[in-house]
Amino acid sequence: MANHKQAEKRNRQRIKRRSRNLLHLSTMRTYMKRVRKALDSKDLEAAQAALPLALKAIGKANSKGVIHSKTASRYTSRIQLAVNRATAEA
């Protein structure tokens, strides 16, 4: 438990930042799951429609500092590659 004013303020800031970071992280994961789910069910149109939203969410999480830039690049690359492979097979 915080005993000083500054420690109490830092705790409030930590709570705000954590909730904001979790919002971006959760949104990103949701959009990525939608793309993967569409690919699993062989629904290429839904996957291609969900892909830009997923890429935007990944980019936003990266720009906010929620995820590392190389993590964002890896997620972007893998999800794009999966959609491209599925499109090529069809």
PDB file of N, CA and C in Angstrom:
ATOM      1  N   MET A   1       0.845  -1.190   0.000  1.00  0.00           N
ATOM      2  CA  MET A   1       0.000   0.000   0.000  1.00  0.00           C
ATOM      3  C   MET A   1       0.885   1.246   0.000  1.00  0.00           C
ATOM      4  N   ALA A   2       0.520   2.220  -0.795  1.00  0.00           N
ATOM      5  CA  ALA A   2       1.303   3.443  -0.918  1.00  0.00           C
ATOM      6  C   ALA A   2       1.118   4.312   0.324  1.00  0.00           C
ATOM      7  N   ASN A   3       2.239   4.836   0.825  1.00  0.00           N
ATOM      8  CA  ASN A   3       2.200   5.670   2.032  1.00  0.00           C
ATOM      9  C   ASN A   3       2.425   7.146   1.752  1.00  0.00           C
ATOM     10  N   HIS A   4       2.969   7.474   0.599  1.00  0.00           N
ATOM     11  CA  HIS A   4       3.254   8.872   0.259  1.00  0.00           C
ATOM     12  C   HIS A   4       2.363   9.318  -0.888  1.00  0.00           C
ATOM     13  N   LYS A   5       2.176  10.641  -0.974  1.00  0.00           N
ATOM     14  CA  LYS A   5       1.321  11.187  -2.026  1.00  0.00           C
ATOM     15  C   LYS A   5       1.804  10.785  -3.419  1.00  0.00           C
ATOM     16  N   GLN A   6       3.109  10.875  -3.626  1.00  0.00           N
ATOM     17  CA  GLN A   6       3.663  10.557  -4.943  1.00  0.00           C
ATOM     18  C   GLN A   6       3.457   9.078  -5.285  1.00  0.00           C
ATOM     19  N   ALA A   7       3.613   8.222  -4.283  1.00  0.00           N
ATOM     20  CA  ALA A   7       3.423   6.794  -4.515  1.00  0.00           C
ATOM     21  C   ALA A   7       1.962   6.502  -4.837  1.00  0.00           C
ATOM     22  N   GLU A   8       1.048   7.219  -4.207  1.00  0.00           N
ATOM     23  CA  GLU A   8      -0.381   7.047  -4.503  1.00  0.00           C
ATOM     24  C   GLU A   8      -0.696   7.496  -5.924  1.00  0.00           C
ATOM     25  N   LYS A   9      -0.082   8.608  -6.337  1.00  0.00           N
ATOM     26  CA  LYS A   9      -0.297   9.112  -7.695  1.00  0.00           C
ATOM     27  C   LYS A   9       0.260   8.125  -8.722  1.00  0.00           C
ATOM     28  N   ARG A  10       1.462   7.605  -8.468  1.00  0.00           N
ATOM     29  CA  ARG A  10       2.053   6.640  -9.393  1.00  0.00           C
ATOM     30  C   ARG A  10       1.177   5.395  -9.512  1.00  0.00           C
ATOM     31  N   ASN A  11       0.572   4.996  -8.410  1.00  0.00           N
ATOM     32  CA  ASN A  11      -0.310   3.833  -8.430  1.00  0.00           C
ATOM     33  C   ASN A  11      -1.548   4.109  -9.282  1.00  0.00           C
ATOM     34  N   ARG A  12      -2.115   5.310  -9.159  1.00  0.00           N
ATOM     35  CA  ARG A  12      -3.270   5.693  -9.987  1.00  0.00           C
ATOM     36  C   ARG A  12      -2.892   5.698 -11.461  1.00  0.00           C
ATOM     37  N   GLN A  13      -1.721   6.243 -11.767  1.00  0.00           N
ATOM     38  CA  GLN A  13      -1.262   6.286 -13.155  1.00  0.00           C
ATOM     39  C   GLN A  13      -1.051   4.876 -13.707  1.00  0.00           C
ATOM     40  N   ARG A  14      -0.483   4.004 -12.875  1.00  0.00           N
ATOM     41  CA  ARG A  14      -0.232   2.629 -13.284  1.00  0.00           C
ATOM     42  C   ARG A  14      -1.533   1.924 -13.642  1.00  0.00           C
ATOM     43  N   ILE A  15      -2.550   2.139 -12.832  1.00  0.00           N
ATOM     44  CA  ILE A  15      -3.850   1.496 -13.066  1.00  0.00           C
ATOM     45  C   ILE A  15      -4.468   1.997 -14.368  1.00  0.00           C
ATOM     46  N   LYS A  16      -4.398   3.307 -14.607  1.00  0.00           N
ATOM     47  CA  LYS A  16      -4.939   3.883 -15.848  1.00  0.00           C
ATOM     48  C   LYS A  16      -4.215   3.337 -17.070  1.00  0.00           C
ATOM     49  N   ARG A  17      -2.887   3.328 -17.002  1.00  0.00           N
ATOM     50  CA  ARG A  17      -2.097   2.873 -18.143  1.00  0.00           C
ATOM     51  C   ARG A  17      -2.339   1.402 -18.426  1.00  0.00           C
ATOM     52  N   ARG A  18      -2.440   0.613 -17.362  1.00  0.00           N
ATOM     53  CA  ARG A  18      -2.660  -0.822 -17.543  1.00  0.00           C
ATOM     54  C   ARG A  18      -3.996  -1.077 -18.234  1.00  0.00           C
ATOM     55  N   SER A  19      -5.042  -0.380 -17.805  1.00  0.00           N
ATOM     56  CA  SER A  19      -6.352  -0.592 -18.424  1.00  0.00           C
ATOM     57  C   SER A  19      -6.341  -0.143 -19.884  1.00  0.00           C
ATOM     58  N   ARG A  20      -5.643   0.943 -20.173  1.00  0.00           N
ATOM     59  CA  ARG A  20      -5.547   1.421 -21.555  1.00  0.00           C
ATOM     60  C   ARG A  20      -4.756   0.428 -22.413  1.00  0.00           C
ATOM     61  N   ASN A  21      -3.654  -0.089 -21.878  1.00  0.00           N
ATOM     62  CA  ASN A  21      -2.842  -1.062 -22.611  1.00  0.00           C
ATOM     63  C   ASN A  21      -3.625  -2.345 -22.860  1.00  0.00           C
ATOM     64  N   LEU A  22      -4.369  -2.799 -21.858  1.00  0.00           N
ATOM     65  CA  LEU A  22      -5.149  -4.023 -22.015  1.00  0.00           C
ATOM     66  C   LEU A  22      -6.243  -3.854 -23.064  1.00  0.00           C
ATOM     67  N   LEU A  23      -6.792  -2.650 -23.181  1.00  0.00           N
ATOM     68  CA  LEU A  23      -7.799  -2.379 -24.205  1.00  0.00           C
ATOM     69  C   LEU A  23      -7.214  -2.606 -25.593  1.00  0.00           C
ATOM     70  N   HIS A  24      -6.044  -2.021 -25.857  1.00  0.00           N
ATOM     71  CA  HIS A  24      -5.415  -2.169 -27.166  1.00  0.00           C
ATOM     72  C   HIS A  24      -4.993  -3.619 -27.413  1.00  0.00           C
ATOM     73  N   LEU A  25      -4.461  -4.271 -26.391  1.00  0.00           N
ATOM     74  CA  LEU A  25      -4.014  -5.655 -26.532  1.00  0.00           C
ATOM     75  C   LEU A  25      -5.187  -6.586 -26.807  1.00  0.00           C
ATOM     76  N   SER A  26      -6.266  -6.399 -26.089  1.00  0.00           N
ATOM     77  CA  SER A  26      -7.446  -7.244 -26.253  1.00  0.00           C
ATOM     78  C   SER A  26      -8.074  -7.044 -27.628  1.00  0.00           C
ATOM     79  N   THR A  27      -8.155  -5.807 -28.063  1.00  0.00           N
ATOM     80  CA  THR A  27      -8.713  -5.503 -29.385  1.00  0.00           C
ATOM     81  C   THR A  27      -7.877  -6.160 -30.481  1.00  0.00           C
ATOM     82  N   MET A  28      -6.563  -6.034 -30.359  1.00  0.00           N
ATOM     83  CA  MET A  28      -5.667  -6.620 -31.346  1.00  0.00           C
ATOM     84  C   MET A  28      -5.849  -8.140 -31.413  1.00  0.00           C
ATOM     85  N   ARG A  29      -5.881  -8.773 -30.266  1.00  0.00           N
ATOM     86  CA  ARG A  29      -6.027 -10.226 -30.232  1.00  0.00           C
ATOM     87  C   ARG A  29      -7.371 -10.670 -30.810  1.00  0.00           C
ATOM     88  N   THR A  30      -8.417  -9.905 -30.542  1.00  0.00           N
ATOM     89  CA  THR A  30      -9.744 -10.240 -31.064  1.00  0.00           C
ATOM     90  C   THR A  30      -9.747 -10.222 -32.581  1.00  0.00           C
ATOM     91  N   TYR A  31      -9.186  -9.171 -33.177  1.00  0.00           N
ATOM     92  CA  TYR A  31      -9.155  -9.078 -34.632  1.00  0.00           C
ATOM     93  C   TYR A  31      -8.286 -10.170 -35.247  1.00  0.00           C
ATOM     94  N   MET A  32      -7.185 -10.511 -34.590  1.00  0.00           N
ATOM     95  CA  MET A  32      -6.337 -11.585 -35.095  1.00  0.00           C
ATOM     96  C   MET A  32      -7.075 -12.921 -35.039  1.00  0.00           C
ATOM     97  N   LYS A  33      -7.833 -13.146 -33.987  1.00  0.00           N
ATOM     98  CA  LYS A  33      -8.611 -14.383 -33.858  1.00  0.00           C
ATOM     99  C   LYS A  33      -9.676 -14.473 -34.945  1.00  0.00           C
ATOM    100  N   ARG A  34     -10.270 -13.340 -35.304  1.00  0.00           N
ATOM    101  CA  ARG A  34     -11.293 -13.341 -36.356  1.00  0.00           C
ATOM    102  C   ARG A  34     -10.699 -13.780 -37.691  1.00  0.00           C
ATOM    103  N   VAL A  35      -9.490 -13.312 -37.980  1.00  0.00           N
ATOM    104  CA  VAL A  35      -8.839 -13.705 -39.230  1.00  0.00           C
ATOM    105  C   VAL A  35      -8.534 -15.197 -39.205  1.00  0.00           C
ATOM    106  N   ARG A  36      -7.953 -15.665 -38.089  1.00  0.00           N
ATOM    107  CA  ARG A  36      -7.604 -17.083 -37.984  1.00  0.00           C
ATOM    108  C   ARG A  36      -8.833 -17.976 -38.047  1.00  0.00           C
ATOM    109  N   LYS A  37      -9.918 -17.540 -37.417  1.00  0.00           N
ATOM    110  CA  LYS A  37     -11.152 -18.325 -37.425  1.00  0.00           C
ATOM    111  C   LYS A  37     -11.715 -18.426 -38.846  1.00  0.00           C
ATOM    112  N   ALA A  38     -11.664 -17.330 -39.576  1.00  0.00           N
ATOM    113  CA  ALA A  38     -12.142 -17.329 -40.955  1.00  0.00           C
ATOM    114  C   ALA A  38     -11.277 -18.249 -41.820  1.00  0.00           C
ATOM    115  N   LEU A  39      -9.965 -18.245 -41.585  1.00  0.00           N
ATOM    116  CA  LEU A  39      -9.078 -19.124 -42.350  1.00  0.00           C
ATOM    117  C   LEU A  39      -9.338 -20.585 -42.021  1.00  0.00           C
ATOM    118  N   ASP A  40      -9.593 -20.880 -40.747  1.00  0.00           N
ATOM    119  CA  ASP A  40      -9.866 -22.266 -40.348  1.00  0.00           C
ATOM    120  C   ASP A  40     -11.150 -22.798 -40.980  1.00  0.00           C
ATOM    121  N   SER A  41     -12.125 -21.911 -41.139  1.00  0.00           N
ATOM    122  CA  SER A  41     -13.399 -22.340 -41.732  1.00  0.00           C
ATOM    123  C   SER A  41     -13.404 -22.188 -43.258  1.00  0.00           C
ATOM    124  N   LYS A  42     -12.227 -21.898 -43.839  1.00  0.00           N
ATOM    125  CA  LYS A  42     -12.059 -21.772 -45.301  1.00  0.00           C
ATOM    126  C   LYS A  42     -12.898 -20.649 -45.912  1.00  0.00           C
ATOM    127  N   ASP A  43     -13.196 -19.623 -45.098  1.00  0.00           N
ATOM    128  CA  ASP A  43     -13.970 -18.475 -45.580  1.00  0.00           C
ATOM    129  C   ASP A  43     -12.993 -17.358 -45.952  1.00  0.00           C
ATOM    130  N   LEU A  44     -12.543 -17.377 -47.208  1.00  0.00           N
ATOM    131  CA  LEU A  44     -11.511 -16.434 -47.638  1.00  0.00           C
ATOM    132  C   LEU A  44     -12.003 -14.998 -47.691  1.00  0.00           C
ATOM    133  N   GLU A  45     -13.255 -14.807 -48.046  1.00  0.00           N
ATOM    134  CA  GLU A  45     -13.780 -13.438 -48.114  1.00  0.00           C
ATOM    135  C   GLU A  45     -13.804 -12.793 -46.734  1.00  0.00           C
ATOM    136  N   ALA A  46     -14.219 -13.557 -45.736  1.00  0.00           N
ATOM    137  CA  ALA A  46     -14.241 -13.030 -44.362  1.00  0.00           C
ATOM    138  C   ALA A  46     -12.826 -12.766 -43.859  1.00  0.00           C
ATOM    139  N   ALA A  47     -11.902 -13.639 -44.217  1.00  0.00           N
ATOM    140  CA  ALA A  47     -10.511 -13.457 -43.799  1.00  0.00           C
ATOM    141  C   ALA A  47      -9.914 -12.203 -44.421  1.00  0.00           C
ATOM    142  N   GLN A  48     -10.188 -12.004 -45.718  1.00  0.00           N
ATOM    143  CA  GLN A  48      -9.664 -10.816 -46.383  1.00  0.00           C
ATOM    144  C   GLN A  48     -10.331  -9.537 -45.886  1.00  0.00           C
ATOM    145  N   ALA A  49     -11.579  -9.650 -45.445  1.00  0.00           N
ATOM    146  CA  ALA A  49     -12.266  -8.483 -44.887  1.00  0.00           C
ATOM    147  C   ALA A  49     -11.755  -8.158 -43.491  1.00  0.00           C
ATOM    148  N   ALA A  50     -11.394  -9.183 -42.730  1.00  0.00           N
ATOM    149  CA  ALA A  50     -10.933  -8.980 -41.353  1.00  0.00           C
ATOM    150  C   ALA A  50      -9.455  -8.609 -41.287  1.00  0.00           C
ATOM    151  N   LEU A  51      -8.706  -8.914 -42.335  1.00  0.00           N
ATOM    152  CA  LEU A  51      -7.259  -8.672 -42.336  1.00  0.00           C
ATOM    153  C   LEU A  51      -6.888  -7.196 -42.130  1.00  0.00           C
ATOM    154  N   PRO A  52      -7.473  -6.248 -42.869  1.00  0.00           N
ATOM    155  CA  PRO A  52      -7.087  -4.845 -42.646  1.00  0.00           C
ATOM    156  C   PRO A  52      -7.374  -4.362 -41.231  1.00  0.00           C
ATOM    157  N   LEU A  53      -8.461  -4.851 -40.649  1.00  0.00           N
ATOM    158  CA  LEU A  53      -8.779  -4.453 -39.274  1.00  0.00           C
ATOM    159  C   LEU A  53      -7.745  -5.004 -38.303  1.00  0.00           C
ATOM    160  N   ALA A  54      -7.306  -6.230 -38.547  1.00  0.00           N
ATOM    161  CA  ALA A  54      -6.290  -6.838 -37.687  1.00  0.00           C
ATOM    162  C   ALA A  54      -4.961  -6.099 -37.825  1.00  0.00           C
ATOM    163  N   LEU A  55      -4.589  -5.770 -39.042  1.00  0.00           N
ATOM    164  CA  LEU A  55      -3.329  -5.058 -39.267  1.00  0.00           C
ATOM    165  C   LEU A  55      -3.359  -3.671 -38.633  1.00  0.00           C
ATOM    166  N   LYS A  56      -4.499  -3.030 -38.706  1.00  0.00           N
ATOM    167  CA  LYS A  56      -4.640  -1.710 -38.091  1.00  0.00           C
ATOM    168  C   LYS A  56      -4.526  -1.806 -36.567  1.00  0.00           C
ATOM    169  N   ALA A  57      -5.140  -2.825 -35.990  1.00  0.00           N
ATOM    170  CA  ALA A  57      -5.083  -3.007 -34.537  1.00  0.00           C
ATOM    171  C   ALA A  57      -3.657  -3.322 -34.082  1.00  0.00           C
ATOM    172  N   ILE A  58      -2.934  -4.126 -34.879  1.00  0.00           N
ATOM    173  CA  ILE A  58      -1.545  -4.436 -34.551  1.00  0.00           C
ATOM    174  C   ILE A  58      -0.698  -3.169 -34.606  1.00  0.00           C
ATOM    175  N   GLY A  59      -0.901  -2.381 -35.653  1.00  0.00           N
ATOM    176  CA  GLY A  59      -0.155  -1.127 -35.795  1.00  0.00           C
ATOM    177  C   GLY A  59      -0.445  -0.144 -34.678  1.00  0.00           C
ATOM    178  N   LYS A  60      -1.683  -0.087 -34.269  1.00  0.00           N
ATOM    179  CA  LYS A  60      -2.050   0.827 -33.190  1.00  0.00           C
ATOM    180  C   LYS A  60      -1.440   0.388 -31.858  1.00  0.00           C
ATOM    181  N   ALA A  61      -1.474  -0.916 -31.582  1.00  0.00           N
ATOM    182  CA  ALA A  61      -0.860  -1.428 -30.357  1.00  0.00           C
ATOM    183  C   ALA A  61       0.638  -1.151 -30.359  1.00  0.00           C
ATOM    184  N   ASN A  62       1.251  -1.259 -31.530  1.00  0.00           N
ATOM    185  CA  ASN A  62       2.675  -0.964 -31.661  1.00  0.00           C
ATOM    186  C   ASN A  62       2.948   0.517 -31.418  1.00  0.00           C
ATOM    187  N   SER A  63       2.174   1.377 -32.028  1.00  0.00           N
ATOM    188  CA  SER A  63       2.418   2.813 -31.903  1.00  0.00           C
ATOM    189  C   SER A  63       2.179   3.321 -30.484  1.00  0.00           C
ATOM    190  N   LYS A  64       1.306   2.645 -29.751  1.00  0.00           N
ATOM    191  CA  LYS A  64       1.035   3.035 -28.364  1.00  0.00           C
ATOM    192  C   LYS A  64       2.056   2.453 -27.390  1.00  0.00           C
ATOM    193  N   GLY A  65       2.928   1.580 -27.893  1.00  0.00           N
ATOM    194  CA  GLY A  65       3.943   0.991 -27.033  1.00  0.00           C
ATOM    195  C   GLY A  65       3.456  -0.202 -26.238  1.00  0.00           C
ATOM    196  N   VAL A  66       2.305  -0.749 -26.621  1.00  0.00           N
ATOM    197  CA  VAL A  66       1.751  -1.899 -25.910  1.00  0.00           C
ATOM    198  C   VAL A  66       2.533  -3.159 -26.255  1.00  0.00           C
ATOM    199  N   ILE A  67       2.937  -3.277 -27.519  1.00  0.00           N
ATOM    200  CA  ILE A  67       3.766  -4.399 -27.942  1.00  0.00           C
ATOM    201  C   ILE A  67       5.028  -3.846 -28.592  1.00  0.00           C
ATOM    202  N   HIS A  68       6.061  -4.645 -28.605  1.00  0.00           N
ATOM    203  CA  HIS A  68       7.335  -4.253 -29.207  1.00  0.00           C
ATOM    204  C   HIS A  68       7.190  -4.184 -30.724  1.00  0.00           C
ATOM    205  N   SER A  69       8.000  -3.356 -31.347  1.00  0.00           N
ATOM    206  CA  SER A  69       7.892  -3.177 -32.800  1.00  0.00           C
ATOM    207  C   SER A  69       8.194  -4.465 -33.567  1.00  0.00           C
ATOM    208  N   LYS A  70       9.148  -5.247 -33.080  1.00  0.00           N
ATOM    209  CA  LYS A  70       9.462  -6.499 -33.768  1.00  0.00           C
ATOM    210  C   LYS A  70       8.355  -7.527 -33.571  1.00  0.00           C
ATOM    211  N   THR A  71       7.682  -7.482 -32.432  1.00  0.00           N
ATOM    212  CA  THR A  71       6.531  -8.356 -32.200  1.00  0.00           C
ATOM    213  C   THR A  71       5.417  -7.991 -33.175  1.00  0.00           C
ATOM    214  N   ALA A  72       5.193  -6.701 -33.356  1.00  0.00           N
ATOM    215  CA  ALA A  72       4.171  -6.243 -34.291  1.00  0.00           C
ATOM    216  C   ALA A  72       4.507  -6.686 -35.712  1.00  0.00           C
ATOM    217  N   SER A  73       5.764  -6.579 -36.085  1.00  0.00           N
ATOM    218  CA  SER A  73       6.193  -7.008 -37.422  1.00  0.00           C
ATOM    219  C   SER A  73       5.973  -8.497 -37.611  1.00  0.00           C
ATOM    220  N   ARG A  74       6.277  -9.271 -36.580  1.00  0.00           N
ATOM    221  CA  ARG A  74       6.104 -10.717 -36.662  1.00  0.00           C
ATOM    222  C   ARG A  74       4.633 -11.084 -36.806  1.00  0.00           C
ATOM    223  N   TYR A  75       3.771 -10.463 -35.995  1.00  0.00           N
ATOM    224  CA  TYR A  75       2.336 -10.730 -36.082  1.00  0.00           C
ATOM    225  C   TYR A  75       1.796 -10.364 -37.458  1.00  0.00           C
ATOM    226  N   THR A  76       2.193  -9.192 -37.945  1.00  0.00           N
ATOM    227  CA  THR A  76       1.735  -8.715 -39.247  1.00  0.00           C
ATOM    228  C   THR A  76       2.163  -9.677 -40.350  1.00  0.00           C
ATOM    229  N   SER A  77       3.428 -10.065 -40.311  1.00  0.00           N
ATOM    230  CA  SER A  77       3.965 -10.950 -41.332  1.00  0.00           C
ATOM    231  C   SER A  77       3.250 -12.294 -41.341  1.00  0.00           C
ATOM    232  N   ARG A  78       3.084 -12.878 -40.172  1.00  0.00           N
ATOM    233  CA  ARG A  78       2.487 -14.210 -40.099  1.00  0.00           C
ATOM    234  C   ARG A  78       1.021 -14.214 -40.523  1.00  0.00           C
ATOM    235  N   ILE A  79       0.285 -13.199 -40.109  1.00  0.00           N
ATOM    236  CA  ILE A  79      -1.146 -13.184 -40.439  1.00  0.00           C
ATOM    237  C   ILE A  79      -1.339 -12.890 -41.930  1.00  0.00           C
ATOM    238  N   GLN A  80      -0.499 -12.010 -42.475  1.00  0.00           N
ATOM    239  CA  GLN A  80      -0.561 -11.707 -43.907  1.00  0.00           C
ATOM    240  C   GLN A  80      -0.170 -12.939 -44.725  1.00  0.00           C
ATOM    241  N   LEU A  81       0.861 -13.628 -44.291  1.00  0.00           N
ATOM    242  CA  LEU A  81       1.312 -14.830 -44.985  1.00  0.00           C
ATOM    243  C   LEU A  81       0.248 -15.916 -44.977  1.00  0.00           C
ATOM    244  N   ALA A  82      -0.440 -16.067 -43.850  1.00  0.00           N
ATOM    245  CA  ALA A  82      -1.483 -17.085 -43.760  1.00  0.00           C
ATOM    246  C   ALA A  82      -2.614 -16.790 -44.734  1.00  0.00           C
ATOM    247  N   VAL A  83      -3.015 -15.527 -44.822  1.00  0.00           N
ATOM    248  CA  VAL A  83      -4.094 -15.149 -45.744  1.00  0.00           C
ATOM    249  C   VAL A  83      -3.628 -15.317 -47.184  1.00  0.00           C
ATOM    250  N   ASN A  84      -2.403 -14.935 -47.484  1.00  0.00           N
ATOM    251  CA  ASN A  84      -1.889 -15.077 -48.840  1.00  0.00           C
ATOM    252  C   ASN A  84      -1.810 -16.545 -49.275  1.00  0.00           C
ATOM    253  N   ARG A  85      -1.363 -17.398 -48.360  1.00  0.00           N
ATOM    254  CA  ARG A  85      -1.292 -18.829 -48.677  1.00  0.00           C
ATOM    255  C   ARG A  85      -2.672 -19.416 -48.931  1.00  0.00           C
ATOM    256  N   ALA A  86      -3.622 -19.044 -48.098  1.00  0.00           N
ATOM    257  CA  ALA A  86      -4.980 -19.562 -48.263  1.00  0.00           C
ATOM    258  C   ALA A  86      -5.592 -19.074 -49.582  1.00  0.00           C
ATOM    259  N   THR A  87      -5.298 -17.834 -49.952  1.00  0.00           N
ATOM    260  CA  THR A  87      -5.809 -17.294 -51.196  1.00  0.00           C
ATOM    261  C   THR A  87      -5.183 -17.997 -52.401  1.00  0.00           C
ATOM    262  N   ALA A  88      -3.885 -18.282 -52.297  1.00  0.00           N
ATOM    263  CA  ALA A  88      -3.180 -18.950 -53.391  1.00  0.00           C
ATOM    264  C   ALA A  88      -3.681 -20.375 -53.589  1.00  0.00           C
ATOM    265  N   GLU A  89      -4.025 -21.044 -52.504  1.00  0.00           N
ATOM    266  CA  GLU A  89      -4.507 -22.424 -52.590  1.00  0.00           C
ATOM    267  C   GLU A  89      -5.879 -22.516 -53.215  1.00  0.00           C
ATOM    268  N   ALA A  90      -6.690 -21.474 -53.005  1.00  0.00           N
ATOM    269  CA  ALA A  90      -8.069 -21.516 -53.487  1.00  0.00           C
ATOM    270  C   ALA A  90      -8.166 -21.241 -54.971  1.00  0.00           C
TER     271      ALA A  90
END
